[in-house]
Amino acid sequence: MIVTDLSQSFHPVPKESGRKDKRKAESSRIKQKSSKLAKLERNRFSIITKDLEHCYICTKKGMKNIPKDDLHELLEGKNRQVSMKYGLVIPICRKCHNLVTNDKTLQDKLHKVAQKKSSKNTIKQKTVYKYLDKVIYKKY
């Protein structure tokens, strides 16, 4: 018996059936927070203010008892965990959070406040002071 059509029976290179689908499914999953990050977020504290229940910026403006909506980390992006670890967190309302996010001069003021507070605290905080110094002066 002579077979003339081998297109259906013989494949010199095996087809990658289903492999691409698995890769796509793996990459499209939402990353879950690690237990270390979740613990950091639960145990956030602030060296800037003792009151974590009311908006820091509204209180500075003279408006009392404005409840906080968020805890804002002063160092954003990849430095967010450093911010949580060393207490560079402030409670702020949603309105002030939008204001801080969009206003670079206000961010710089908050960085300088954090720098002053961290320079007065322990040796561990002095490393944060140096770190904040780099963050503030990299911008200019």
N, C-alpha and C. Protein backbone atom coordinates (compact mmCIF):
# COMPACT_ATOMS: atom_id res chain seq x y z
N MET A 1 0.83 -1.16 0.00
CA MET A 1 0.00 0.00 0.00
C MET A 1 0.89 1.24 0.00
N ILE A 2 0.62 2.14 -0.91
CA ILE A 2 1.38 3.38 -1.04
C ILE A 2 0.47 4.53 -0.62
N VAL A 3 0.97 5.29 0.36
CA VAL A 3 0.22 6.45 0.84
C VAL A 3 0.78 7.68 0.15
N THR A 4 -0.07 8.44 -0.47
CA THR A 4 0.39 9.62 -1.20
C THR A 4 0.12 10.91 -0.44
N ASP A 5 -0.92 10.94 0.34
CA ASP A 5 -1.27 12.16 1.08
C ASP A 5 -0.93 11.97 2.55
N LEU A 6 0.14 12.62 3.00
CA LEU A 6 0.58 12.50 4.39
C LEU A 6 0.19 13.72 5.24
N SER A 7 -0.57 14.62 4.69
CA SER A 7 -0.89 15.85 5.41
C SER A 7 -1.72 15.61 6.67
N GLN A 8 -2.53 14.56 6.67
CA GLN A 8 -3.39 14.29 7.83
C GLN A 8 -2.76 13.32 8.83
N SER A 9 -1.76 12.57 8.41
CA SER A 9 -1.26 11.54 9.30
C SER A 9 0.14 11.80 9.85
N PHE A 10 0.93 12.63 9.21
CA PHE A 10 2.32 12.79 9.63
C PHE A 10 2.66 14.26 9.82
N HIS A 11 3.21 14.57 10.97
CA HIS A 11 3.63 15.94 11.26
C HIS A 11 5.07 15.89 11.76
N PRO A 12 6.03 16.37 10.99
CA PRO A 12 7.42 16.30 11.44
C PRO A 12 7.67 17.19 12.67
N VAL A 13 6.95 18.28 12.80
CA VAL A 13 7.06 19.16 13.97
C VAL A 13 5.72 19.13 14.68
N PRO A 14 5.71 18.74 15.95
CA PRO A 14 4.41 18.67 16.64
C PRO A 14 3.77 20.05 16.79
N LYS A 15 2.47 20.07 16.64
CA LYS A 15 1.73 21.32 16.78
C LYS A 15 1.62 21.68 18.25
N GLU A 16 1.64 22.97 18.53
CA GLU A 16 1.49 23.46 19.90
C GLU A 16 0.02 23.74 20.16
N SER A 17 -0.72 22.70 20.32
CA SER A 17 -2.15 22.90 20.56
C SER A 17 -2.40 23.13 22.04
N GLY A 18 -3.02 24.25 22.33
CA GLY A 18 -3.39 24.56 23.70
C GLY A 18 -2.34 25.28 24.52
N ARG A 19 -1.10 25.28 24.13
CA ARG A 19 -0.05 25.93 24.91
C ARG A 19 -0.23 27.44 24.98
N LYS A 20 -0.56 28.03 23.87
CA LYS A 20 -0.73 29.48 23.84
C LYS A 20 -1.91 29.89 24.71
N ASP A 21 -2.95 29.06 24.70
CA ASP A 21 -4.12 29.37 25.51
C ASP A 21 -3.78 29.35 27.00
N LYS A 22 -2.95 28.39 27.42
CA LYS A 22 -2.55 28.31 28.83
C LYS A 22 -1.73 29.53 29.23
N ARG A 23 -0.79 29.94 28.38
CA ARG A 23 0.03 31.12 28.67
C ARG A 23 -0.83 32.36 28.80
N LYS A 24 -1.77 32.49 27.90
CA LYS A 24 -2.65 33.66 27.93
C LYS A 24 -3.48 33.69 29.21
N ALA A 25 -3.98 32.53 29.61
CA ALA A 25 -4.78 32.44 30.83
C ALA A 25 -3.94 32.77 32.06
N GLU A 26 -2.69 32.31 32.08
CA GLU A 26 -1.82 32.58 33.22
C GLU A 26 -1.49 34.07 33.33
N SER A 27 -1.25 34.72 32.21
CA SER A 27 -0.87 36.13 32.24
C SER A 27 -2.06 37.04 32.50
N SER A 28 -3.27 36.57 32.23
CA SER A 28 -4.43 37.44 32.41
C SER A 28 -5.02 37.34 33.82
N ARG A 29 -4.49 36.47 34.66
CA ARG A 29 -4.97 36.39 36.03
C ARG A 29 -4.60 37.66 36.80
N ILE A 30 -5.46 38.04 37.71
CA ILE A 30 -5.18 39.19 38.55
C ILE A 30 -4.24 38.75 39.66
N LYS A 31 -3.18 39.53 39.85
CA LYS A 31 -2.22 39.19 40.89
C LYS A 31 -2.87 39.37 42.26
N GLN A 32 -2.67 38.39 43.12
CA GLN A 32 -3.17 38.51 44.48
C GLN A 32 -2.07 39.12 45.34
N LYS A 33 -2.49 39.85 46.35
CA LYS A 33 -1.51 40.46 47.25
C LYS A 33 -0.85 39.37 48.07
N SER A 34 0.44 39.55 48.27
CA SER A 34 1.15 38.59 49.11
C SER A 34 0.74 38.80 50.56
N SER A 35 0.96 37.81 51.38
CA SER A 35 0.58 37.93 52.78
C SER A 35 1.41 39.01 53.48
N LYS A 36 2.65 39.19 53.03
CA LYS A 36 3.52 40.22 53.61
C LYS A 36 2.96 41.62 53.31
N LEU A 37 2.54 41.86 52.06
CA LEU A 37 1.97 43.15 51.69
C LEU A 37 0.64 43.39 52.40
N ALA A 38 -0.18 42.35 52.50
CA ALA A 38 -1.46 42.50 53.19
C ALA A 38 -1.24 42.86 54.66
N LYS A 39 -0.24 42.24 55.29
CA LYS A 39 0.07 42.54 56.70
C LYS A 39 0.56 43.98 56.85
N LEU A 40 1.41 44.44 55.91
CA LEU A 40 1.88 45.82 55.93
C LEU A 40 0.71 46.80 55.84
N GLU A 41 -0.24 46.50 54.95
CA GLU A 41 -1.38 47.40 54.77
C GLU A 41 -2.29 47.42 55.99
N ARG A 42 -2.45 46.28 56.64
CA ARG A 42 -3.29 46.24 57.85
C ARG A 42 -2.66 47.00 59.01
N ASN A 43 -1.34 46.97 59.11
CA ASN A 43 -0.64 47.54 60.26
C ASN A 43 -0.01 48.90 59.96
N ARG A 44 -0.60 49.66 59.06
CA ARG A 44 -0.03 50.98 58.74
C ARG A 44 -0.12 51.92 59.93
N PHE A 45 0.91 52.72 60.10
CA PHE A 45 0.95 53.72 61.15
C PHE A 45 1.55 54.99 60.55
N SER A 46 1.53 56.06 61.31
CA SER A 46 2.04 57.32 60.79
C SER A 46 2.96 57.99 61.81
N ILE A 47 4.11 58.47 61.33
CA ILE A 47 4.99 59.26 62.19
C ILE A 47 4.63 60.74 62.08
N ILE A 48 3.75 61.06 61.16
CA ILE A 48 3.39 62.46 60.90
C ILE A 48 2.23 62.91 61.78
N THR A 49 1.25 62.04 61.97
CA THR A 49 0.09 62.38 62.79
C THR A 49 -0.32 61.17 63.63
N LYS A 50 -0.88 61.45 64.81
CA LYS A 50 -1.35 60.36 65.66
C LYS A 50 -2.81 60.01 65.36
N ASP A 51 -3.55 60.97 64.81
CA ASP A 51 -4.97 60.78 64.51
C ASP A 51 -5.12 60.19 63.11
N LEU A 52 -5.37 58.89 63.03
CA LEU A 52 -5.54 58.23 61.73
C LEU A 52 -7.01 58.12 61.32
N GLU A 53 -7.89 58.81 62.02
CA GLU A 53 -9.32 58.73 61.72
C GLU A 53 -9.85 59.96 60.96
N HIS A 54 -9.09 61.08 60.99
CA HIS A 54 -9.56 62.31 60.35
C HIS A 54 -8.55 62.79 59.32
N CYS A 55 -9.05 63.48 58.31
CA CYS A 55 -8.22 63.97 57.20
C CYS A 55 -7.13 64.92 57.70
N TYR A 56 -5.90 64.60 57.38
CA TYR A 56 -4.74 65.38 57.82
C TYR A 56 -4.74 66.78 57.20
N ILE A 57 -5.02 66.88 55.92
CA ILE A 57 -4.96 68.16 55.20
C ILE A 57 -6.11 69.07 55.61
N CYS A 58 -7.31 68.52 55.71
CA CYS A 58 -8.46 69.34 56.14
C CYS A 58 -8.27 69.85 57.57
N THR A 59 -7.66 69.02 58.43
CA THR A 59 -7.38 69.45 59.80
C THR A 59 -6.38 70.60 59.81
N LYS A 60 -5.37 70.54 58.93
CA LYS A 60 -4.38 71.62 58.84
C LYS A 60 -5.02 72.91 58.33
N LYS A 61 -6.05 72.79 57.49
CA LYS A 61 -6.75 73.96 56.97
C LYS A 61 -7.72 74.56 57.99
N GLY A 62 -7.97 73.84 59.07
CA GLY A 62 -8.86 74.36 60.11
C GLY A 62 -10.22 73.69 60.15
N MET A 63 -10.50 72.80 59.23
CA MET A 63 -11.78 72.07 59.25
C MET A 63 -11.62 70.84 60.12
N LYS A 64 -12.40 70.75 61.16
CA LYS A 64 -12.29 69.65 62.12
C LYS A 64 -13.24 68.52 61.78
N ASN A 65 -12.88 67.34 62.23
CA ASN A 65 -13.71 66.13 62.17
C ASN A 65 -14.13 65.72 60.76
N ILE A 66 -13.30 65.95 59.77
CA ILE A 66 -13.56 65.42 58.43
C ILE A 66 -13.01 63.99 58.42
N PRO A 67 -13.88 62.98 58.24
CA PRO A 67 -13.39 61.60 58.31
C PRO A 67 -12.47 61.26 57.13
N LYS A 68 -11.54 60.38 57.40
CA LYS A 68 -10.62 59.95 56.33
C LYS A 68 -11.32 58.92 55.45
N ASP A 69 -10.98 58.92 54.17
CA ASP A 69 -11.45 57.90 53.25
C ASP A 69 -10.31 56.94 52.91
N ASP A 70 -9.09 57.47 52.86
CA ASP A 70 -7.94 56.68 52.44
C ASP A 70 -6.75 56.95 53.37
N LEU A 71 -5.82 56.01 53.35
CA LEU A 71 -4.52 56.24 53.94
C LEU A 71 -3.55 56.41 52.77
N HIS A 72 -2.97 57.59 52.67
CA HIS A 72 -2.12 57.94 51.53
C HIS A 72 -0.66 57.72 51.90
N GLU A 73 0.03 56.92 51.07
CA GLU A 73 1.46 56.71 51.26
C GLU A 73 2.19 57.85 50.58
N LEU A 74 3.09 58.51 51.29
CA LEU A 74 3.77 59.68 50.75
C LEU A 74 4.74 59.32 49.63
N LEU A 75 5.31 58.14 49.69
CA LEU A 75 6.16 57.68 48.60
C LEU A 75 5.32 56.73 47.76
N GLU A 76 5.09 57.09 46.50
CA GLU A 76 4.19 56.29 45.69
C GLU A 76 4.96 55.35 44.77
N GLY A 77 4.20 54.56 44.04
CA GLY A 77 4.81 53.65 43.06
C GLY A 77 5.55 52.51 43.72
N LYS A 78 6.75 52.25 43.23
CA LYS A 78 7.52 51.10 43.74
C LYS A 78 7.99 51.33 45.18
N ASN A 79 7.92 52.56 45.68
CA ASN A 79 8.37 52.89 47.03
C ASN A 79 7.23 52.85 48.05
N ARG A 80 6.06 52.40 47.63
CA ARG A 80 4.89 52.39 48.49
C ARG A 80 5.11 51.54 49.75
N GLN A 81 5.76 50.40 49.59
CA GLN A 81 6.00 49.52 50.73
C GLN A 81 6.98 50.14 51.72
N VAL A 82 7.95 50.90 51.22
CA VAL A 82 8.88 51.62 52.10
C VAL A 82 8.10 52.63 52.93
N SER A 83 7.16 53.27 52.29
CA SER A 83 6.32 54.25 52.96
C SER A 83 5.52 53.62 54.09
N MET A 84 4.94 52.45 53.85
CA MET A 84 4.16 51.77 54.87
C MET A 84 5.06 51.25 56.00
N LYS A 85 6.23 50.77 55.64
CA LYS A 85 7.14 50.19 56.62
C LYS A 85 7.63 51.23 57.64
N TYR A 86 7.90 52.45 57.17
CA TYR A 86 8.47 53.47 58.04
C TYR A 86 7.47 54.52 58.53
N GLY A 87 6.18 54.32 58.25
CA GLY A 87 5.16 55.22 58.80
C GLY A 87 4.99 56.51 58.04
N LEU A 88 5.31 56.52 56.76
CA LEU A 88 5.13 57.73 55.95
C LEU A 88 3.75 57.69 55.31
N VAL A 89 2.75 57.67 56.16
CA VAL A 89 1.35 57.51 55.75
C VAL A 89 0.54 58.61 56.40
N ILE A 90 -0.39 59.20 55.65
CA ILE A 90 -1.31 60.18 56.24
C ILE A 90 -2.74 59.81 55.88
N PRO A 91 -3.68 60.04 56.80
CA PRO A 91 -5.09 59.81 56.50
C PRO A 91 -5.66 61.04 55.76
N ILE A 92 -6.31 60.81 54.64
CA ILE A 92 -6.90 61.93 53.91
C ILE A 92 -8.25 61.54 53.31
N CYS A 93 -9.08 62.56 53.09
CA CYS A 93 -10.38 62.35 52.46
C CYS A 93 -10.19 62.22 50.95
N ARG A 94 -11.21 61.80 50.26
CA ARG A 94 -11.11 61.57 48.81
C ARG A 94 -10.77 62.86 48.06
N LYS A 95 -11.38 63.98 48.47
CA LYS A 95 -11.13 65.27 47.81
C LYS A 95 -9.66 65.65 47.92
N CYS A 96 -9.12 65.53 49.12
CA CYS A 96 -7.70 65.87 49.34
C CYS A 96 -6.78 64.87 48.66
N HIS A 97 -7.20 63.60 48.56
CA HIS A 97 -6.39 62.59 47.90
C HIS A 97 -6.20 62.95 46.42
N ASN A 98 -7.29 63.37 45.78
CA ASN A 98 -7.20 63.80 44.39
C ASN A 98 -6.31 65.04 44.26
N LEU A 99 -6.43 65.94 45.21
CA LEU A 99 -5.62 67.16 45.22
C LEU A 99 -4.13 66.83 45.35
N VAL A 100 -3.80 65.95 46.29
CA VAL A 100 -2.40 65.57 46.51
C VAL A 100 -1.83 64.85 45.30
N THR A 101 -2.62 63.97 44.72
CA THR A 101 -2.16 63.20 43.57
C THR A 101 -1.83 64.08 42.37
N ASN A 102 -2.60 65.15 42.18
CA ASN A 102 -2.43 65.99 41.00
C ASN A 102 -1.55 67.21 41.22
N ASP A 103 -1.20 67.53 42.45
CA ASP A 103 -0.44 68.74 42.75
C ASP A 103 0.96 68.38 43.26
N LYS A 104 1.96 68.56 42.41
CA LYS A 104 3.35 68.20 42.75
C LYS A 104 3.92 69.07 43.87
N THR A 105 3.52 70.33 43.94
CA THR A 105 4.06 71.20 44.99
C THR A 105 3.55 70.75 46.36
N LEU A 106 2.29 70.32 46.43
CA LEU A 106 1.75 69.81 47.68
C LEU A 106 2.44 68.51 48.07
N GLN A 107 2.72 67.67 47.09
CA GLN A 107 3.47 66.43 47.36
C GLN A 107 4.85 66.75 47.93
N ASP A 108 5.52 67.74 47.35
CA ASP A 108 6.84 68.12 47.85
C ASP A 108 6.76 68.66 49.28
N LYS A 109 5.70 69.44 49.58
CA LYS A 109 5.52 69.94 50.94
C LYS A 109 5.34 68.79 51.93
N LEU A 110 4.54 67.82 51.54
CA LEU A 110 4.32 66.66 52.41
C LEU A 110 5.59 65.84 52.58
N HIS A 111 6.40 65.74 51.51
CA HIS A 111 7.69 65.04 51.61
C HIS A 111 8.60 65.76 52.61
N LYS A 112 8.59 67.09 52.57
CA LYS A 112 9.45 67.85 53.49
C LYS A 112 8.96 67.73 54.93
N VAL A 113 7.64 67.68 55.14
CA VAL A 113 7.09 67.46 56.48
C VAL A 113 7.54 66.09 56.98
N ALA A 114 7.44 65.10 56.13
CA ALA A 114 7.86 63.74 56.50
C ALA A 114 9.35 63.69 56.81
N GLN A 115 10.12 64.46 56.05
CA GLN A 115 11.57 64.51 56.26
C GLN A 115 11.89 65.12 57.63
N LYS A 116 11.19 66.18 57.99
CA LYS A 116 11.41 66.81 59.30
C LYS A 116 11.03 65.87 60.44
N LYS A 117 9.88 65.19 60.29
CA LYS A 117 9.42 64.28 61.33
C LYS A 117 10.36 63.09 61.46
N SER A 118 10.85 62.57 60.34
CA SER A 118 11.72 61.39 60.41
C SER A 118 13.10 61.75 60.95
N SER A 119 13.53 63.00 60.78
CA SER A 119 14.84 63.39 61.31
C SER A 119 14.81 63.50 62.84
N LYS A 120 13.62 63.69 63.42
CA LYS A 120 13.50 63.81 64.87
C LYS A 120 13.37 62.46 65.56
N ASN A 121 13.08 61.41 64.79
CA ASN A 121 12.83 60.10 65.39
C ASN A 121 14.09 59.24 65.46
N THR A 122 13.91 57.96 65.56
CA THR A 122 14.99 57.01 65.82
C THR A 122 15.97 56.89 64.66
N ILE A 123 17.01 56.10 64.88
CA ILE A 123 18.04 55.88 63.87
C ILE A 123 17.43 55.28 62.60
N LYS A 124 16.47 54.36 62.78
CA LYS A 124 15.82 53.73 61.64
C LYS A 124 15.14 54.79 60.77
N GLN A 125 14.55 55.79 61.42
CA GLN A 125 13.88 56.85 60.70
C GLN A 125 14.88 57.76 59.99
N LYS A 126 16.10 57.84 60.52
CA LYS A 126 17.11 58.67 59.87
C LYS A 126 17.49 58.12 58.50
N THR A 127 17.40 56.80 58.33
CA THR A 127 17.63 56.23 57.00
C THR A 127 16.52 56.68 56.06
N VAL A 128 15.30 56.82 56.59
CA VAL A 128 14.19 57.33 55.79
C VAL A 128 14.43 58.78 55.43
N TYR A 129 14.99 59.54 56.36
CA TYR A 129 15.31 60.94 56.11
C TYR A 129 16.24 61.06 54.90
N LYS A 130 17.26 60.22 54.87
CA LYS A 130 18.19 60.24 53.74
C LYS A 130 17.49 59.81 52.46
N TYR A 131 16.61 58.82 52.58
CA TYR A 131 15.87 58.32 51.42
C TYR A 131 14.95 59.42 50.87
N LEU A 132 14.24 60.11 51.76
CA LEU A 132 13.36 61.20 51.35
C LEU A 132 14.16 62.33 50.71
N ASP A 133 15.35 62.57 51.24
CA ASP A 133 16.22 63.59 50.69
C ASP A 133 16.52 63.29 49.22
N LYS A 134 16.79 62.03 48.91
CA LYS A 134 17.05 61.63 47.52
C LYS A 134 15.80 61.80 46.67
N VAL A 135 14.63 61.44 47.21
CA VAL A 135 13.38 61.55 46.45
C VAL A 135 13.07 63.00 46.13
N ILE A 136 13.24 63.89 47.11
CA ILE A 136 12.91 65.30 46.92
C ILE A 136 13.86 65.95 45.92
N TYR A 137 15.13 65.69 46.04
CA TYR A 137 16.08 66.39 45.20
C TYR A 137 16.31 65.74 43.83
N LYS A 138 15.80 64.54 43.62
CA LYS A 138 15.86 63.94 42.29
C LYS A 138 14.95 64.68 41.32
N LYS A 139 13.90 65.27 41.85
CA LYS A 139 12.91 65.94 41.01
C LYS A 139 13.45 67.23 40.38
N TYR A 140 14.46 67.81 41.00
CA TYR A 140 14.94 69.12 40.53
C TYR A 140 16.20 69.02 39.73
